């Protein structure tokens, strides 16, 4: 039992302190709330308006009955989950290696991993265009070494877009996973090894469960970012990869149809909310299973 729970005066002071800090944060919360809520409300209202300013549900009927909309939705989901899968496969072992390294080495390697974030996404995307195009450096190396008889189609398609998105998102996924793995008590790993567990068993039963929170946090960050990606699909996709973000831009730039574009924006928000709920539900289920296993 804490001292605040025993002494009413201390409990009152604690409540007063919480109210004070809440009052300090209210202006910022108010501004952030307005900046987040008002645009969404405007988009919802705009989705029910025609170009003449009359209320209608025709925008929803037009957008949801179009095959291009559902094709863009499928492309968006494939890009997001494909990026997430490669970030997990590449980022988790890298985070484990960084967490196992000496602090000086880990800091140096982390600086190299974070280096791409210091460059504009547009510059990085065009850098991949130079590397991946038919006369780019990668195809020149492959054909010059005899590993390929002709240039490979590495850009202006789904593959090139996915490479660019993984390159951008990998450091953002790595940060929370590395932080979670670094905080794992080394004694737990030593105890697992002393009980005869192999390296694979230790990773599966100790390290991954204890770092699950970081992996889920990194996964949510990756998905939220990639679901609305525009620059990378626009440049590396070459007009052949069209997620919802590009569909929204073309609806506005070509047809000036704010109603249809707003419906697509709402569809993107709904998709993000559904996937976010799925991630949170999976995280709670895994935490519950871990607690049940611990009690058993």
C-alpha atoms as a PDB file:
ATOM      1  CA  UNK A   1       0.000   0.000   0.000  1.00  0.00           C
ATOM      2  CA  UNK A   2       1.396   3.384  -1.007  1.00  0.00           C
ATOM      3  CA  UNK A   3       1.792   6.392   1.237  1.00  0.00           C
ATOM      4  CA  UNK A   4      -0.734   8.312  -0.885  1.00  0.00           C
ATOM      5  CA  UNK A   5      -3.306   5.624  -0.208  1.00  0.00           C
ATOM      6  CA  UNK A   6      -2.682   5.879   3.582  1.00  0.00           C
ATOM      7  CA  UNK A   7      -2.469   9.667   3.927  1.00  0.00           C
ATOM      8  CA  UNK A   8      -5.498  11.581   2.526  1.00  0.00           C
ATOM      9  CA  UNK A   9      -3.408  14.744   2.292  1.00  0.00           C
ATOM     10  CA  UNK A  10      -0.859  13.051   0.036  1.00  0.00           C
ATOM     11  CA  UNK A  11      -3.651  11.620  -2.098  1.00  0.00           C
ATOM     12  CA  UNK A  12      -5.186  15.100  -2.448  1.00  0.00           C
ATOM     13  CA  UNK A  13      -1.798  16.540  -3.420  1.00  0.00           C
ATOM     14  CA  UNK A  14      -1.383  13.821  -6.054  1.00  0.00           C
ATOM     15  CA  UNK A  15      -4.817  14.582  -7.533  1.00  0.00           C
ATOM     16  CA  UNK A  16      -4.052  18.310  -7.525  1.00  0.00           C
ATOM     17  CA  UNK A  17      -0.769  17.678  -9.318  1.00  0.00           C
ATOM     18  CA  UNK A  18      -2.478  15.578 -11.990  1.00  0.00           C
ATOM     19  CA  UNK A  19      -5.100  18.290 -12.541  1.00  0.00           C
ATOM     20  CA  UNK A  20      -2.358  20.919 -12.810  1.00  0.00           C
ATOM     21  CA  UNK A  21      -0.443  19.043 -15.500  1.00  0.00           C
ATOM     22  CA  UNK A  22      -3.687  18.266 -17.322  1.00  0.00           C
ATOM     23  CA  UNK A  23      -4.547  21.970 -17.318  1.00  0.00           C
ATOM     24  CA  UNK A  24      -1.123  22.751 -18.791  1.00  0.00           C
ATOM     25  CA  UNK A  25      -1.711  20.294 -21.636  1.00  0.00           C
ATOM     26  CA  UNK A  26      -5.286  21.382 -22.440  1.00  0.00           C
ATOM     27  CA  UNK A  27      -4.334  24.126 -24.957  1.00  0.00           C
ATOM     28  CA  UNK A  28      -2.131  21.704 -26.906  1.00  0.00           C
ATOM     29  CA  UNK A  29      -4.774  18.966 -26.738  1.00  0.00           C
ATOM     30  CA  UNK A  30      -7.397  21.423 -27.963  1.00  0.00           C
ATOM     31  CA  UNK A  31      -5.293  22.530 -30.944  1.00  0.00           C
ATOM     32  CA  UNK A  32      -4.321  18.975 -31.878  1.00  0.00           C
ATOM     33  CA  UNK A  33      -7.943  17.865 -31.522  1.00  0.00           C
ATOM     34  CA  UNK A  34      -9.173  20.603 -33.828  1.00  0.00           C
ATOM     35  CA  UNK A  35      -6.433  19.894 -36.365  1.00  0.00           C
ATOM     36  CA  UNK A  36      -7.360  16.193 -36.389  1.00  0.00           C
ATOM     37  CA  UNK A  37     -11.149  16.311 -36.122  1.00  0.00           C
ATOM     38  CA  UNK A  38     -12.151  19.320 -38.240  1.00  0.00           C
ATOM     39  CA  UNK A  39     -10.573  18.062 -41.519  1.00  0.00           C
ATOM     40  CA  UNK A  40     -12.246  14.676 -41.043  1.00  0.00           C
ATOM     41  CA  UNK A  41     -15.623  16.320 -40.452  1.00  0.00           C
ATOM     42  CA  UNK A  42     -15.091  18.472 -43.547  1.00  0.00           C
ATOM     43  CA  UNK A  43     -14.243  15.392 -45.649  1.00  0.00           C
ATOM     44  CA  UNK A  44     -17.347  13.573 -44.391  1.00  0.00           C
ATOM     45  CA  UNK A  45     -19.522  16.578 -45.290  1.00  0.00           C
ATOM     46  CA  UNK A  46     -17.835  16.959 -48.673  1.00  0.00           C
ATOM     47  CA  UNK A  47     -18.466  13.310 -49.505  1.00  0.00           C
ATOM     48  CA  UNK A  48     -22.214  14.004 -49.520  1.00  0.00           C
ATOM     49  CA  UNK A  49     -22.009  17.073 -51.782  1.00  0.00           C
ATOM     50  CA  UNK A  50     -22.228  17.290 -55.553  1.00  0.00           C
ATOM     51  CA  UNK A  51     -20.150  19.727 -57.581  1.00  0.00           C
ATOM     52  CA  UNK A  52     -23.160  22.048 -57.422  1.00  0.00           C
ATOM     53  CA  UNK A  53     -23.208  21.901 -53.608  1.00  0.00           C
ATOM     54  CA  UNK A  54     -26.311  19.699 -53.263  1.00  0.00           C
ATOM     55  CA  UNK A  55     -26.480  16.818 -50.792  1.00  0.00           C
ATOM     56  CA  UNK A  56     -26.474  13.342 -52.302  1.00  0.00           C
ATOM     57  CA  UNK A  57     -25.323   9.774 -51.731  1.00  0.00           C
ATOM     58  CA  UNK A  58     -24.424   9.451 -55.390  1.00  0.00           C
ATOM     59  CA  UNK A  59     -20.727   9.897 -54.622  1.00  0.00           C
ATOM     60  CA  UNK A  60     -20.744   6.730 -52.536  1.00  0.00           C
ATOM     61  CA  UNK A  61     -22.667   4.809 -55.177  1.00  0.00           C
ATOM     62  CA  UNK A  62     -20.278   5.932 -57.926  1.00  0.00           C
ATOM     63  CA  UNK A  63     -17.083   5.206 -56.008  1.00  0.00           C
ATOM     64  CA  UNK A  64     -18.093   1.936 -54.334  1.00  0.00           C
ATOM     65  CA  UNK A  65     -19.507   0.500 -57.572  1.00  0.00           C
ATOM     66  CA  UNK A  66     -16.286   1.190 -59.500  1.00  0.00           C
ATOM     67  CA  UNK A  67     -13.896  -1.657 -60.078  1.00  0.00           C
ATOM     68  CA  UNK A  68     -10.994   0.813 -60.024  1.00  0.00           C
ATOM     69  CA  UNK A  69     -11.775   1.619 -56.400  1.00  0.00           C
ATOM     70  CA  UNK A  70     -11.598  -1.982 -55.253  1.00  0.00           C
ATOM     71  CA  UNK A  71      -8.494  -2.593 -57.354  1.00  0.00           C
ATOM     72  CA  UNK A  72      -6.833   0.394 -55.659  1.00  0.00           C
ATOM     73  CA  UNK A  73      -7.964  -0.925 -52.264  1.00  0.00           C
ATOM     74  CA  UNK A  74      -6.424  -4.335 -52.947  1.00  0.00           C
ATOM     75  CA  UNK A  75      -3.186  -2.700 -54.128  1.00  0.00           C
ATOM     76  CA  UNK A  76      -3.075  -0.563 -50.977  1.00  0.00           C
ATOM     77  CA  UNK A  77      -3.505  -3.587 -48.708  1.00  0.00           C
ATOM     78  CA  UNK A  78      -0.953  -5.644 -50.646  1.00  0.00           C
ATOM     79  CA  UNK A  79       1.644  -2.867 -50.483  1.00  0.00           C
ATOM     80  CA  UNK A  80       1.055  -2.224 -46.781  1.00  0.00           C
ATOM     81  CA  UNK A  81       1.166  -5.845 -45.686  1.00  0.00           C
ATOM     82  CA  UNK A  82       4.025  -6.649 -48.074  1.00  0.00           C
ATOM     83  CA  UNK A  83       6.062  -3.800 -46.616  1.00  0.00           C
ATOM     84  CA  UNK A  84       5.166  -4.900 -43.103  1.00  0.00           C
ATOM     85  CA  UNK A  85       6.139  -8.532 -43.783  1.00  0.00           C
ATOM     86  CA  UNK A  86       9.574  -7.580 -45.127  1.00  0.00           C
ATOM     87  CA  UNK A  87      10.130  -5.113 -42.279  1.00  0.00           C
ATOM     88  CA  UNK A  88       9.402  -7.874 -39.755  1.00  0.00           C
ATOM     89  CA  UNK A  89      11.611 -10.399 -41.556  1.00  0.00           C
ATOM     90  CA  UNK A  90      14.507  -7.967 -41.944  1.00  0.00           C
ATOM     91  CA  UNK A  91      14.055  -5.701 -38.936  1.00  0.00           C
ATOM     92  CA  UNK A  92      13.576  -8.262 -36.169  1.00  0.00           C
ATOM     93  CA  UNK A  93      16.903 -10.096 -36.686  1.00  0.00           C
ATOM     94  CA  UNK A  94      18.644  -6.733 -37.174  1.00  0.00           C
ATOM     95  CA  UNK A  95      17.176  -5.411 -33.924  1.00  0.00           C
ATOM     96  CA  UNK A  96      18.289  -8.586 -32.138  1.00  0.00           C
ATOM     97  CA  UNK A  97      21.816  -8.176 -33.495  1.00  0.00           C
ATOM     98  CA  UNK A  98      21.928  -4.524 -32.399  1.00  0.00           C
ATOM     99  CA  UNK A  99      20.585  -5.366 -28.944  1.00  0.00           C
ATOM    100  CA  UNK A 100      23.208  -8.104 -28.546  1.00  0.00           C
ATOM    101  CA  UNK A 101      26.115  -5.923 -29.666  1.00  0.00           C
ATOM    102  CA  UNK A 102      28.279  -3.798 -27.423  1.00  0.00           C
ATOM    103  CA  UNK A 103      26.845  -0.308 -26.833  1.00  0.00           C
ATOM    104  CA  UNK A 104      29.495   1.465 -28.898  1.00  0.00           C
ATOM    105  CA  UNK A 105      29.076  -0.893 -31.851  1.00  0.00           C
ATOM    106  CA  UNK A 106      25.284  -0.785 -31.543  1.00  0.00           C
ATOM    107  CA  UNK A 107      25.263   3.023 -31.583  1.00  0.00           C
ATOM    108  CA  UNK A 108      27.474   3.094 -34.661  1.00  0.00           C
ATOM    109  CA  UNK A 109      25.318   0.565 -36.508  1.00  0.00           C
ATOM    110  CA  UNK A 110      22.154   2.391 -35.473  1.00  0.00           C
ATOM    111  CA  UNK A 111      23.573   5.594 -36.955  1.00  0.00           C
ATOM    112  CA  UNK A 112      24.031   3.812 -40.292  1.00  0.00           C
ATOM    113  CA  UNK A 113      20.500   2.407 -40.100  1.00  0.00           C
ATOM    114  CA  UNK A 114      19.050   5.856 -39.381  1.00  0.00           C
ATOM    115  CA  UNK A 115      21.095   7.502 -42.136  1.00  0.00           C
ATOM    116  CA  UNK A 116      18.344   7.199 -44.792  1.00  0.00           C
ATOM    117  CA  UNK A 117      15.972   9.203 -42.580  1.00  0.00           C
ATOM    118  CA  UNK A 118      18.260  12.218 -42.921  1.00  0.00           C
ATOM    119  CA  UNK A 119      17.551  12.342 -46.659  1.00  0.00           C
ATOM    120  CA  UNK A 120      14.363  13.547 -48.313  1.00  0.00           C
ATOM    121  CA  UNK A 121      11.988  10.764 -49.315  1.00  0.00           C
ATOM    122  CA  UNK A 122      11.826  12.227 -52.819  1.00  0.00           C
ATOM    123  CA  UNK A 123      15.613  12.063 -53.174  1.00  0.00           C
ATOM    124  CA  UNK A 124      15.692   8.492 -51.868  1.00  0.00           C
ATOM    125  CA  UNK A 125      12.914   7.440 -54.224  1.00  0.00           C
ATOM    126  CA  UNK A 126      14.704   8.838 -57.264  1.00  0.00           C
ATOM    127  CA  UNK A 127      17.874   7.196 -55.977  1.00  0.00           C
ATOM    128  CA  UNK A 128      16.132   3.819 -56.174  1.00  0.00           C
ATOM    129  CA  UNK A 129      14.940   4.761 -59.657  1.00  0.00           C
ATOM    130  CA  UNK A 130      18.579   5.198 -60.711  1.00  0.00           C
ATOM    131  CA  UNK A 131      19.485   1.857 -59.152  1.00  0.00           C
ATOM    132  CA  UNK A 132      16.572  -0.234 -60.396  1.00  0.00           C
ATOM    133  CA  UNK A 133      15.767   0.958 -63.916  1.00  0.00           C
ATOM    134  CA  UNK A 134      16.711  -1.132 -66.951  1.00  0.00           C
ATOM    135  CA  UNK A 135      19.949   0.787 -67.510  1.00  0.00           C
ATOM    136  CA  UNK A 136      20.518   1.292 -63.778  1.00  0.00           C
ATOM    137  CA  UNK A 137      23.407   0.179 -61.617  1.00  0.00           C
ATOM    138  CA  UNK A 138      21.840  -3.095 -60.423  1.00  0.00           C
ATOM    139  CA  UNK A 139      20.891  -4.335 -63.898  1.00  0.00           C
ATOM    140  CA  UNK A 140      24.270  -3.222 -65.248  1.00  0.00           C
ATOM    141  CA  UNK A 141      26.004  -5.273 -62.546  1.00  0.00           C
ATOM    142  CA  UNK A 142      23.785  -8.318 -63.175  1.00  0.00           C
ATOM    143  CA  UNK A 143      24.211  -8.311 -66.933  1.00  0.00           C
ATOM    144  CA  UNK A 144      27.902  -7.416 -66.726  1.00  0.00           C
ATOM    145  CA  UNK A 145      28.644 -10.316 -64.387  1.00  0.00           C
ATOM    146  CA  UNK A 146      26.629 -12.766 -66.449  1.00  0.00           C
ATOM    147  CA  UNK A 147      24.051 -13.430 -63.715  1.00  0.00           C
ATOM    148  CA  UNK A 148      21.320 -12.111 -66.039  1.00  0.00           C
ATOM    149  CA  UNK A 149      21.185 -12.228 -69.817  1.00  0.00           C
ATOM    150  CA  UNK A 150      18.911  -9.198 -70.052  1.00  0.00           C
ATOM    151  CA  UNK A 151      17.851  -6.369 -67.707  1.00  0.00           C
ATOM    152  CA  UNK A 152      15.315  -7.402 -65.075  1.00  0.00           C
ATOM    153  CA  UNK A 153      12.041  -5.474 -64.634  1.00  0.00           C
ATOM    154  CA  UNK A 154      12.840  -4.033 -61.192  1.00  0.00           C
ATOM    155  CA  UNK A 155      11.054  -0.696 -61.463  1.00  0.00           C
ATOM    156  CA  UNK A 156       7.753   0.755 -62.688  1.00  0.00           C
ATOM    157  CA  UNK A 157       5.999  -2.223 -61.123  1.00  0.00           C
ATOM    158  CA  UNK A 158       4.920  -3.646 -57.752  1.00  0.00           C
ATOM    159  CA  UNK A 159       8.397  -4.984 -56.990  1.00  0.00           C
ATOM    160  CA  UNK A 160      10.141  -1.639 -57.332  1.00  0.00           C
ATOM    161  CA  UNK A 161       7.463   0.119 -55.304  1.00  0.00           C
ATOM    162  CA  UNK A 162       7.769  -2.462 -52.531  1.00  0.00           C
ATOM    163  CA  UNK A 163      11.569  -2.122 -52.426  1.00  0.00           C
ATOM    164  CA  UNK A 164      11.322   1.642 -52.027  1.00  0.00           C
ATOM    165  CA  UNK A 165       8.686   1.411 -49.312  1.00  0.00           C
ATOM    166  CA  UNK A 166      10.600  -1.214 -47.314  1.00  0.00           C
ATOM    167  CA  UNK A 167      13.747   0.909 -47.509  1.00  0.00           C
ATOM    168  CA  UNK A 168      11.863   3.884 -46.098  1.00  0.00           C
ATOM    169  CA  UNK A 169       9.963   2.052 -43.364  1.00  0.00           C
ATOM    170  CA  UNK A 170      12.634  -0.337 -42.056  1.00  0.00           C
ATOM    171  CA  UNK A 171      14.326   2.208 -39.738  1.00  0.00           C
ATOM    172  CA  UNK A 172      10.948   3.289 -38.325  1.00  0.00           C
ATOM    173  CA  UNK A 173      10.068  -0.347 -37.605  1.00  0.00           C
ATOM    174  CA  UNK A 174      13.489  -1.026 -36.122  1.00  0.00           C
ATOM    175  CA  UNK A 175      13.391   1.718 -33.466  1.00  0.00           C
ATOM    176  CA  UNK A 176      10.635   0.328 -31.170  1.00  0.00           C
ATOM    177  CA  UNK A 177      11.759  -3.278 -31.699  1.00  0.00           C
ATOM    178  CA  UNK A 178      15.350  -2.437 -30.801  1.00  0.00           C
ATOM    179  CA  UNK A 179      14.196  -0.497 -27.730  1.00  0.00           C
ATOM    180  CA  UNK A 180      12.099  -3.474 -26.559  1.00  0.00           C
ATOM    181  CA  UNK A 181      14.895  -5.989 -27.083  1.00  0.00           C
ATOM    182  CA  UNK A 182      17.485  -3.778 -25.434  1.00  0.00           C
ATOM    183  CA  UNK A 183      15.371  -3.623 -22.256  1.00  0.00           C
ATOM    184  CA  UNK A 184      15.193  -7.415 -21.908  1.00  0.00           C
ATOM    185  CA  UNK A 185      17.036  -8.569 -18.806  1.00  0.00           C
ATOM    186  CA  UNK A 186      20.156 -10.448 -19.916  1.00  0.00           C
ATOM    187  CA  UNK A 187      19.778 -12.758 -16.921  1.00  0.00           C
ATOM    188  CA  UNK A 188      16.644 -14.221 -18.502  1.00  0.00           C
ATOM    189  CA  UNK A 189      18.606 -15.168 -21.608  1.00  0.00           C
ATOM    190  CA  UNK A 190      21.374 -16.682 -19.480  1.00  0.00           C
ATOM    191  CA  UNK A 191      18.812 -18.614 -17.438  1.00  0.00           C
ATOM    192  CA  UNK A 192      17.271 -20.005 -20.602  1.00  0.00           C
ATOM    193  CA  UNK A 193      20.700 -21.116 -21.841  1.00  0.00           C
ATOM    194  CA  UNK A 194      21.578 -22.660 -18.473  1.00  0.00           C
ATOM    195  CA  UNK A 195      18.398 -24.747 -18.633  1.00  0.00           C
ATOM    196  CA  UNK A 196      19.584 -26.290 -21.872  1.00  0.00           C
ATOM    197  CA  UNK A 197      17.590 -24.214 -24.364  1.00  0.00           C
ATOM    198  CA  UNK A 198      19.113 -23.746 -27.805  1.00  0.00           C
ATOM    199  CA  UNK A 199      19.513 -20.310 -29.374  1.00  0.00           C
ATOM    200  CA  UNK A 200      16.374 -20.815 -31.444  1.00  0.00           C
ATOM    201  CA  UNK A 201      14.366 -21.893 -28.412  1.00  0.00           C
ATOM    202  CA  UNK A 202      15.604 -18.903 -26.418  1.00  0.00           C
ATOM    203  CA  UNK A 203      14.614 -16.524 -29.193  1.00  0.00           C
ATOM    204  CA  UNK A 204      11.202 -18.147 -29.575  1.00  0.00           C
ATOM    205  CA  UNK A 205      10.294 -18.520 -25.901  1.00  0.00           C
ATOM    206  CA  UNK A 206      12.082 -15.581 -24.246  1.00  0.00           C
ATOM    207  CA  UNK A 207      13.157 -12.820 -26.609  1.00  0.00           C
ATOM    208  CA  UNK A 208      10.218 -12.670 -29.019  1.00  0.00           C
ATOM    209  CA  UNK A 209       7.481 -12.779 -26.332  1.00  0.00           C
ATOM    210  CA  UNK A 210       9.221 -10.062 -24.301  1.00  0.00           C
ATOM    211  CA  UNK A 211       9.729  -7.879 -27.380  1.00  0.00           C
ATOM    212  CA  UNK A 212       6.221  -8.451 -28.772  1.00  0.00           C
ATOM    213  CA  UNK A 213       5.132  -4.992 -27.646  1.00  0.00           C
ATOM    214  CA  UNK A 214       7.879  -3.343 -29.688  1.00  0.00           C
ATOM    215  CA  UNK A 215       7.102  -5.514 -32.711  1.00  0.00           C
ATOM    216  CA  UNK A 216       3.417  -4.607 -32.553  1.00  0.00           C
ATOM    217  CA  UNK A 217       4.225  -0.910 -32.128  1.00  0.00           C
ATOM    218  CA  UNK A 218       6.585  -1.017 -35.104  1.00  0.00           C
ATOM    219  CA  UNK A 219       3.984  -2.894 -37.144  1.00  0.00           C
ATOM    220  CA  UNK A 220       1.321  -0.277 -36.448  1.00  0.00           C
ATOM    221  CA  UNK A 221       3.742   2.520 -37.394  1.00  0.00           C
ATOM    222  CA  UNK A 222       4.624   0.779 -40.655  1.00  0.00           C
ATOM    223  CA  UNK A 223       1.023   0.112 -41.593  1.00  0.00           C
ATOM    224  CA  UNK A 224      -0.240   3.620 -40.796  1.00  0.00           C
ATOM    225  CA  UNK A 225       2.559   5.199 -42.824  1.00  0.00           C
ATOM    226  CA  UNK A 226       2.372   2.891 -45.830  1.00  0.00           C
ATOM    227  CA  UNK A 227      -1.385   2.872 -46.206  1.00  0.00           C
ATOM    228  CA  UNK A 228      -1.260   6.492 -47.345  1.00  0.00           C
ATOM    229  CA  UNK A 229       2.048   6.422 -49.251  1.00  0.00           C
ATOM    230  CA  UNK A 230       2.017   8.576 -52.372  1.00  0.00           C
ATOM    231  CA  UNK A 231       5.504   9.619 -53.561  1.00  0.00           C
ATOM    232  CA  UNK A 232       7.073   6.152 -53.698  1.00  0.00           C
ATOM    233  CA  UNK A 233       4.220   4.451 -55.636  1.00  0.00           C
ATOM    234  CA  UNK A 234       3.933   7.477 -57.938  1.00  0.00           C
ATOM    235  CA  UNK A 235       7.635   7.438 -58.874  1.00  0.00           C
ATOM    236  CA  UNK A 236       8.622   3.777 -58.676  1.00  0.00           C
ATOM    237  CA  UNK A 237       5.219   2.468 -59.767  1.00  0.00           C
ATOM    238  CA  UNK A 238       5.341   4.423 -63.024  1.00  0.00           C
ATOM    239  CA  UNK A 239       1.559   4.677 -63.233  1.00  0.00           C
ATOM    240  CA  UNK A 240       1.131   0.900 -63.048  1.00  0.00           C
ATOM    241  CA  UNK A 241       0.790   0.684 -59.247  1.00  0.00           C
ATOM    242  CA  UNK A 242      -2.218   2.687 -58.114  1.00  0.00           C
ATOM    243  CA  UNK A 243      -3.101   2.569 -54.399  1.00  0.00           C
ATOM    244  CA  UNK A 244      -5.896   4.664 -52.944  1.00  0.00           C
ATOM    245  CA  UNK A 245      -3.628   7.666 -52.385  1.00  0.00           C
ATOM    246  CA  UNK A 246      -2.863   7.945 -56.108  1.00  0.00           C
ATOM    247  CA  UNK A 247      -6.516   7.311 -56.933  1.00  0.00           C
ATOM    248  CA  UNK A 248      -7.481  10.269 -54.721  1.00  0.00           C
ATOM    249  CA  UNK A 249      -4.900  12.532 -56.384  1.00  0.00           C
ATOM    250  CA  UNK A 250      -6.034  11.630 -59.877  1.00  0.00           C
ATOM    251  CA  UNK A 251      -9.693  12.106 -58.978  1.00  0.00           C
ATOM    252  CA  UNK A 252      -8.884  15.648 -57.867  1.00  0.00           C
ATOM    253  CA  UNK A 253      -6.333  16.638 -60.505  1.00  0.00           C
ATOM    254  CA  UNK A 254      -8.155  15.148 -63.486  1.00  0.00           C
ATOM    255  CA  UNK A 255     -11.841  15.478 -62.632  1.00  0.00           C
ATOM    256  CA  UNK A 256     -11.847  18.050 -59.803  1.00  0.00           C
ATOM    257  CA  UNK A 257     -14.378  15.777 -58.100  1.00  0.00           C
ATOM    258  CA  UNK A 258     -14.088  16.621 -54.414  1.00  0.00           C
ATOM    259  CA  UNK A 259     -17.054  14.426 -53.497  1.00  0.00           C
ATOM    260  CA  UNK A 260     -15.600  11.242 -54.967  1.00  0.00           C
ATOM    261  CA  UNK A 261     -12.136  12.036 -53.587  1.00  0.00           C
ATOM    262  CA  UNK A 262     -13.648  12.538 -50.123  1.00  0.00           C
ATOM    263  CA  UNK A 263     -15.355   9.150 -50.331  1.00  0.00           C
ATOM    264  CA  UNK A 264     -12.006   7.568 -51.193  1.00  0.00           C
ATOM    265  CA  UNK A 265     -10.445   9.371 -48.228  1.00  0.00           C
ATOM    266  CA  UNK A 266     -13.142   8.024 -45.915  1.00  0.00           C
ATOM    267  CA  UNK A 267     -12.562   4.537 -47.317  1.00  0.00           C
ATOM    268  CA  UNK A 268      -8.880   4.933 -46.485  1.00  0.00           C
ATOM    269  CA  UNK A 269      -9.717   6.036 -42.925  1.00  0.00           C
ATOM    270  CA  UNK A 270     -12.093   3.106 -42.432  1.00  0.00           C
ATOM    271  CA  UNK A 271      -9.469   0.668 -43.705  1.00  0.00           C
ATOM    272  CA  UNK A 272      -6.879   2.139 -41.354  1.00  0.00           C
ATOM    273  CA  UNK A 273      -9.269   1.933 -38.402  1.00  0.00           C
ATOM    274  CA  UNK A 274     -10.195  -1.695 -39.138  1.00  0.00           C
ATOM    275  CA  UNK A 275      -6.587  -2.816 -39.438  1.00  0.00           C
ATOM    276  CA  UNK A 276      -5.664  -0.849 -36.313  1.00  0.00           C
ATOM    277  CA  UNK A 277      -8.404  -2.607 -34.351  1.00  0.00           C
ATOM    278  CA  UNK A 278      -7.155  -5.950 -35.658  1.00  0.00           C
ATOM    279  CA  UNK A 279      -3.613  -5.164 -34.522  1.00  0.00           C
ATOM    280  CA  UNK A 280      -4.779  -4.129 -31.056  1.00  0.00           C
ATOM    281  CA  UNK A 281      -7.007  -7.200 -30.716  1.00  0.00           C
ATOM    282  CA  UNK A 282      -4.130  -9.472 -31.740  1.00  0.00           C
ATOM    283  CA  UNK A 283      -1.829  -7.763 -29.241  1.00  0.00           C
ATOM    284  CA  UNK A 284      -4.305  -8.202 -26.384  1.00  0.00           C
ATOM    285  CA  UNK A 285      -4.894 -11.820 -27.312  1.00  0.00           C
ATOM    286  CA  UNK A 286      -1.166 -12.527 -27.343  1.00  0.00           C
ATOM    287  CA  UNK A 287      -0.699 -10.753 -24.010  1.00  0.00           C
ATOM    288  CA  UNK A 288      -3.539 -12.778 -22.503  1.00  0.00           C
ATOM    289  CA  UNK A 289      -2.017 -16.011 -23.800  1.00  0.00           C
ATOM    290  CA  UNK A 290       1.379 -15.064 -22.369  1.00  0.00           C
ATOM    291  CA  UNK A 291      -0.190 -14.336 -18.978  1.00  0.00           C
ATOM    292  CA  UNK A 292      -2.040 -17.661 -19.038  1.00  0.00           C
ATOM    293  CA  UNK A 293       1.153 -19.488 -19.976  1.00  0.00           C
ATOM    294  CA  UNK A 294       3.042 -17.762 -17.153  1.00  0.00           C
ATOM    295  CA  UNK A 295       0.403 -18.747 -14.591  1.00  0.00           C
ATOM    296  CA  UNK A 296       0.388 -22.311 -15.890  1.00  0.00           C
END
